[in-house]
Amino acid sequence: MPINTLPKTATTDMEVTSIRLERELKDRLKAVSGNQGYQALVRDILWNYVNQKSSDASQLDLSDLRAKITATAQQDERCALTGQRIRTGEAMILGLLGNGNLVPLSSAALS
């Protein structure tokens, strides 16, 4: 799924879940969430994480990239474009998105 364009589900269709957060973390989430609200921000963060770690190919598009940075994987990653595994020590690319997030990309995904 594209970053920050997750499908909107009515809150009445969601399950209530309790999570304990440090007060400082909750306060900082509230501060950065703006009009979106911190709970919606937490859901977006969790969906982005799950989609990044999923073995399914993402729907991230090359046009979402603002810059590319050559890097070496310090731990196993999944390419945000293809879902392909990037092994520790392999050459990879960090893609800078318009929202400031960096996403792992396999070198093959951009060739």
C-alpha atoms as a PDB file:
ATOM      1  CA  MET A   1       0.000   0.000   0.000  1.00  0.00           C
ATOM      2  CA  PRO A   2       1.267   3.463  -0.671  1.00  0.00           C
ATOM      3  CA  ILE A   3       2.615   5.256   2.338  1.00  0.00           C
ATOM      4  CA  ASN A   4       0.036   7.435   4.150  1.00  0.00           C
ATOM      5  CA  THR A   5      -2.816   6.495   1.806  1.00  0.00           C
ATOM      6  CA  LEU A   6      -4.146   3.555   3.771  1.00  0.00           C
ATOM      7  CA  PRO A   7      -7.798   2.686   3.375  1.00  0.00           C
ATOM      8  CA  LYS A   8      -9.986   4.403   5.923  1.00  0.00           C
ATOM      9  CA  THR A   9     -12.020   2.055   8.099  1.00  0.00           C
ATOM     10  CA  ALA A  10     -14.871   3.380  10.185  1.00  0.00           C
ATOM     11  CA  THR A  11     -13.926   3.243  13.855  1.00  0.00           C
ATOM     12  CA  THR A  12     -17.144   1.303  14.499  1.00  0.00           C
ATOM     13  CA  ASP A  13     -15.661  -1.523  12.377  1.00  0.00           C
ATOM     14  CA  MET A  14     -12.427  -1.648  14.406  1.00  0.00           C
ATOM     15  CA  GLU A  15     -11.616  -3.749  17.431  1.00  0.00           C
ATOM     16  CA  VAL A  16     -10.796  -1.988  20.670  1.00  0.00           C
ATOM     17  CA  THR A  17      -7.244  -2.754  21.792  1.00  0.00           C
ATOM     18  CA  SER A  18      -5.426  -1.544  24.855  1.00  0.00           C
ATOM     19  CA  ILE A  19      -1.749  -0.664  24.575  1.00  0.00           C
ATOM     20  CA  ARG A  20       0.451   0.811  27.243  1.00  0.00           C
ATOM     21  CA  LEU A  21       2.669   3.678  26.138  1.00  0.00           C
ATOM     22  CA  GLU A  22       5.094   5.783  28.072  1.00  0.00           C
ATOM     23  CA  ARG A  23       3.545   9.180  28.825  1.00  0.00           C
ATOM     24  CA  GLU A  24       6.352  10.966  26.946  1.00  0.00           C
ATOM     25  CA  LEU A  25       5.793   8.786  23.851  1.00  0.00           C
ATOM     26  CA  LYS A  26       2.050   9.457  23.898  1.00  0.00           C
ATOM     27  CA  ASP A  27       2.651  13.199  24.316  1.00  0.00           C
ATOM     28  CA  ARG A  28       5.109  13.222  21.418  1.00  0.00           C
ATOM     29  CA  LEU A  29       2.718  11.233  19.213  1.00  0.00           C
ATOM     30  CA  LYS A  30       0.001  13.776  19.989  1.00  0.00           C
ATOM     31  CA  ALA A  31       2.384  16.617  19.138  1.00  0.00           C
ATOM     32  CA  VAL A  32       3.368  15.230  15.718  1.00  0.00           C
ATOM     33  CA  SER A  33      -0.055  13.919  14.725  1.00  0.00           C
ATOM     34  CA  GLY A  34      -1.657  17.325  14.255  1.00  0.00           C
ATOM     35  CA  ASN A  35      -5.306  17.196  13.185  1.00  0.00           C
ATOM     36  CA  GLN A  36      -4.995  13.500  12.332  1.00  0.00           C
ATOM     37  CA  GLY A  37      -5.013  12.442  15.990  1.00  0.00           C
ATOM     38  CA  TYR A  38      -2.423  10.234  17.624  1.00  0.00           C
ATOM     39  CA  GLN A  39      -4.461   7.005  17.427  1.00  0.00           C
ATOM     40  CA  ALA A  40      -4.795   7.350  13.644  1.00  0.00           C
ATOM     41  CA  LEU A  41      -1.065   8.089  13.472  1.00  0.00           C
ATOM     42  CA  VAL A  42      -0.294   4.945  15.492  1.00  0.00           C
ATOM     43  CA  ARG A  43      -2.479   2.882  13.103  1.00  0.00           C
ATOM     44  CA  ASP A  44      -0.646   4.359  10.081  1.00  0.00           C
ATOM     45  CA  ILE A  45       2.719   3.597  11.669  1.00  0.00           C
ATOM     46  CA  LEU A  46       1.681   0.017  12.421  1.00  0.00           C
ATOM     47  CA  TRP A  47       0.264  -0.560   8.925  1.00  0.00           C
ATOM     48  CA  ASN A  48       3.426   0.856   7.323  1.00  0.00           C
ATOM     49  CA  TYR A  49       5.570  -1.432   9.491  1.00  0.00           C
ATOM     50  CA  VAL A  50       3.478  -4.523   8.727  1.00  0.00           C
ATOM     51  CA  ASN A  51       3.479  -3.759   5.002  1.00  0.00           C
ATOM     52  CA  GLN A  52       7.244  -3.191   5.025  1.00  0.00           C
ATOM     53  CA  LYS A  53       7.890  -6.492   6.823  1.00  0.00           C
ATOM     54  CA  SER A  54       5.360  -8.415   4.740  1.00  0.00           C
ATOM     55  CA  SER A  55       6.659 -10.782   2.106  1.00  0.00           C
ATOM     56  CA  ASP A  56       3.986  -9.435  -0.248  1.00  0.00           C
ATOM     57  CA  ALA A  57       5.130  -6.855  -2.752  1.00  0.00           C
ATOM     58  CA  SER A  58       4.316  -3.329  -1.726  1.00  0.00           C
ATOM     59  CA  GLN A  59       2.418  -0.887  -3.895  1.00  0.00           C
ATOM     60  CA  LEU A  60       5.071   1.769  -3.377  1.00  0.00           C
ATOM     61  CA  ASP A  61       5.730   3.414  -6.708  1.00  0.00           C
ATOM     62  CA  LEU A  62       9.055   4.702  -8.030  1.00  0.00           C
ATOM     63  CA  SER A  63       7.468   8.133  -8.439  1.00  0.00           C
ATOM     64  CA  ASP A  64       7.158   8.251  -4.606  1.00  0.00           C
ATOM     65  CA  LEU A  65      10.969   8.432  -4.297  1.00  0.00           C
ATOM     66  CA  ARG A  66      12.593  11.836  -3.786  1.00  0.00           C
ATOM     67  CA  ALA A  67      16.184  10.586  -3.487  1.00  0.00           C
ATOM     68  CA  LYS A  68      18.213   7.360  -3.421  1.00  0.00           C
ATOM     69  CA  ILE A  69      21.097   6.652  -1.055  1.00  0.00           C
ATOM     70  CA  THR A  70      23.484   3.725  -1.508  1.00  0.00           C
ATOM     71  CA  ALA A  71      23.798   1.686   1.683  1.00  0.00           C
ATOM     72  CA  THR A  72      24.684  -1.704   3.145  1.00  0.00           C
ATOM     73  CA  ALA A  73      22.037  -3.656   5.051  1.00  0.00           C
ATOM     74  CA  GLN A  74      22.949  -3.941   8.734  1.00  0.00           C
ATOM     75  CA  GLN A  75      20.166  -6.478   9.275  1.00  0.00           C
ATOM     76  CA  ASP A  76      17.793  -8.435   7.056  1.00  0.00           C
ATOM     77  CA  GLU A  77      15.278  -6.144   5.346  1.00  0.00           C
ATOM     78  CA  ARG A  78      12.496  -6.408   2.767  1.00  0.00           C
ATOM     79  CA  CYS A  79      12.457  -4.264  -0.353  1.00  0.00           C
ATOM     80  CA  ALA A  80       9.598  -1.758  -0.122  1.00  0.00           C
ATOM     81  CA  LEU A  81       8.967  -2.120  -3.874  1.00  0.00           C
ATOM     82  CA  THR A  82       9.157  -5.866  -4.445  1.00  0.00           C
ATOM     83  CA  GLY A  83       9.080  -7.513  -1.026  1.00  0.00           C
ATOM     84  CA  GLN A  84      12.371  -9.217  -1.988  1.00  0.00           C
ATOM     85  CA  ARG A  85      14.610 -10.110   0.948  1.00  0.00           C
ATOM     86  CA  ILE A  86      17.737  -8.012   1.420  1.00  0.00           C
ATOM     87  CA  ARG A  87      20.260  -9.956   3.488  1.00  0.00           C
ATOM     88  CA  THR A  88      22.566  -8.539   6.132  1.00  0.00           C
ATOM     89  CA  GLY A  89      25.709  -7.199   4.467  1.00  0.00           C
ATOM     90  CA  GLU A  90      24.160  -6.879   1.000  1.00  0.00           C
ATOM     91  CA  ALA A  91      24.270  -3.661  -0.964  1.00  0.00           C
ATOM     92  CA  MET A  92      20.931  -1.888  -0.907  1.00  0.00           C
ATOM     93  CA  ILE A  93      19.412   1.512  -1.502  1.00  0.00           C
ATOM     94  CA  LEU A  94      17.567   3.704   0.946  1.00  0.00           C
ATOM     95  CA  GLY A  95      14.744   5.520  -0.790  1.00  0.00           C
ATOM     96  CA  LEU A  96      13.725   8.889   0.622  1.00  0.00           C
ATOM     97  CA  LEU A  97       9.976   9.459   0.411  1.00  0.00           C
ATOM     98  CA  GLY A  98       8.210  12.802   0.312  1.00  0.00           C
ATOM     99  CA  ASN A  99       7.093  12.361   3.927  1.00  0.00           C
ATOM    100  CA  GLY A 100      10.731  12.073   5.058  1.00  0.00           C
ATOM    101  CA  ASN A 101      10.673   8.307   5.617  1.00  0.00           C
ATOM    102  CA  LEU A 102      13.535   6.147   4.378  1.00  0.00           C
ATOM    103  CA  VAL A 103      12.562   2.760   2.951  1.00  0.00           C
ATOM    104  CA  PRO A 104      14.825  -0.193   2.080  1.00  0.00           C
ATOM    105  CA  LEU A 105      15.100  -1.029  -1.615  1.00  0.00           C
ATOM    106  CA  SER A 106      16.927  -3.887  -3.276  1.00  0.00           C
ATOM    107  CA  SER A 107      19.454  -2.857  -5.899  1.00  0.00           C
ATOM    108  CA  ALA A 108      17.683  -5.100  -8.415  1.00  0.00           C
ATOM    109  CA  ALA A 109      14.367  -3.297  -7.895  1.00  0.00           C
ATOM    110  CA  LEU A 110      15.781  -0.103  -9.400  1.00  0.00           C
ATOM    111  CA  SER A 111      17.724  -1.615 -12.290  1.00  0.00           C
END
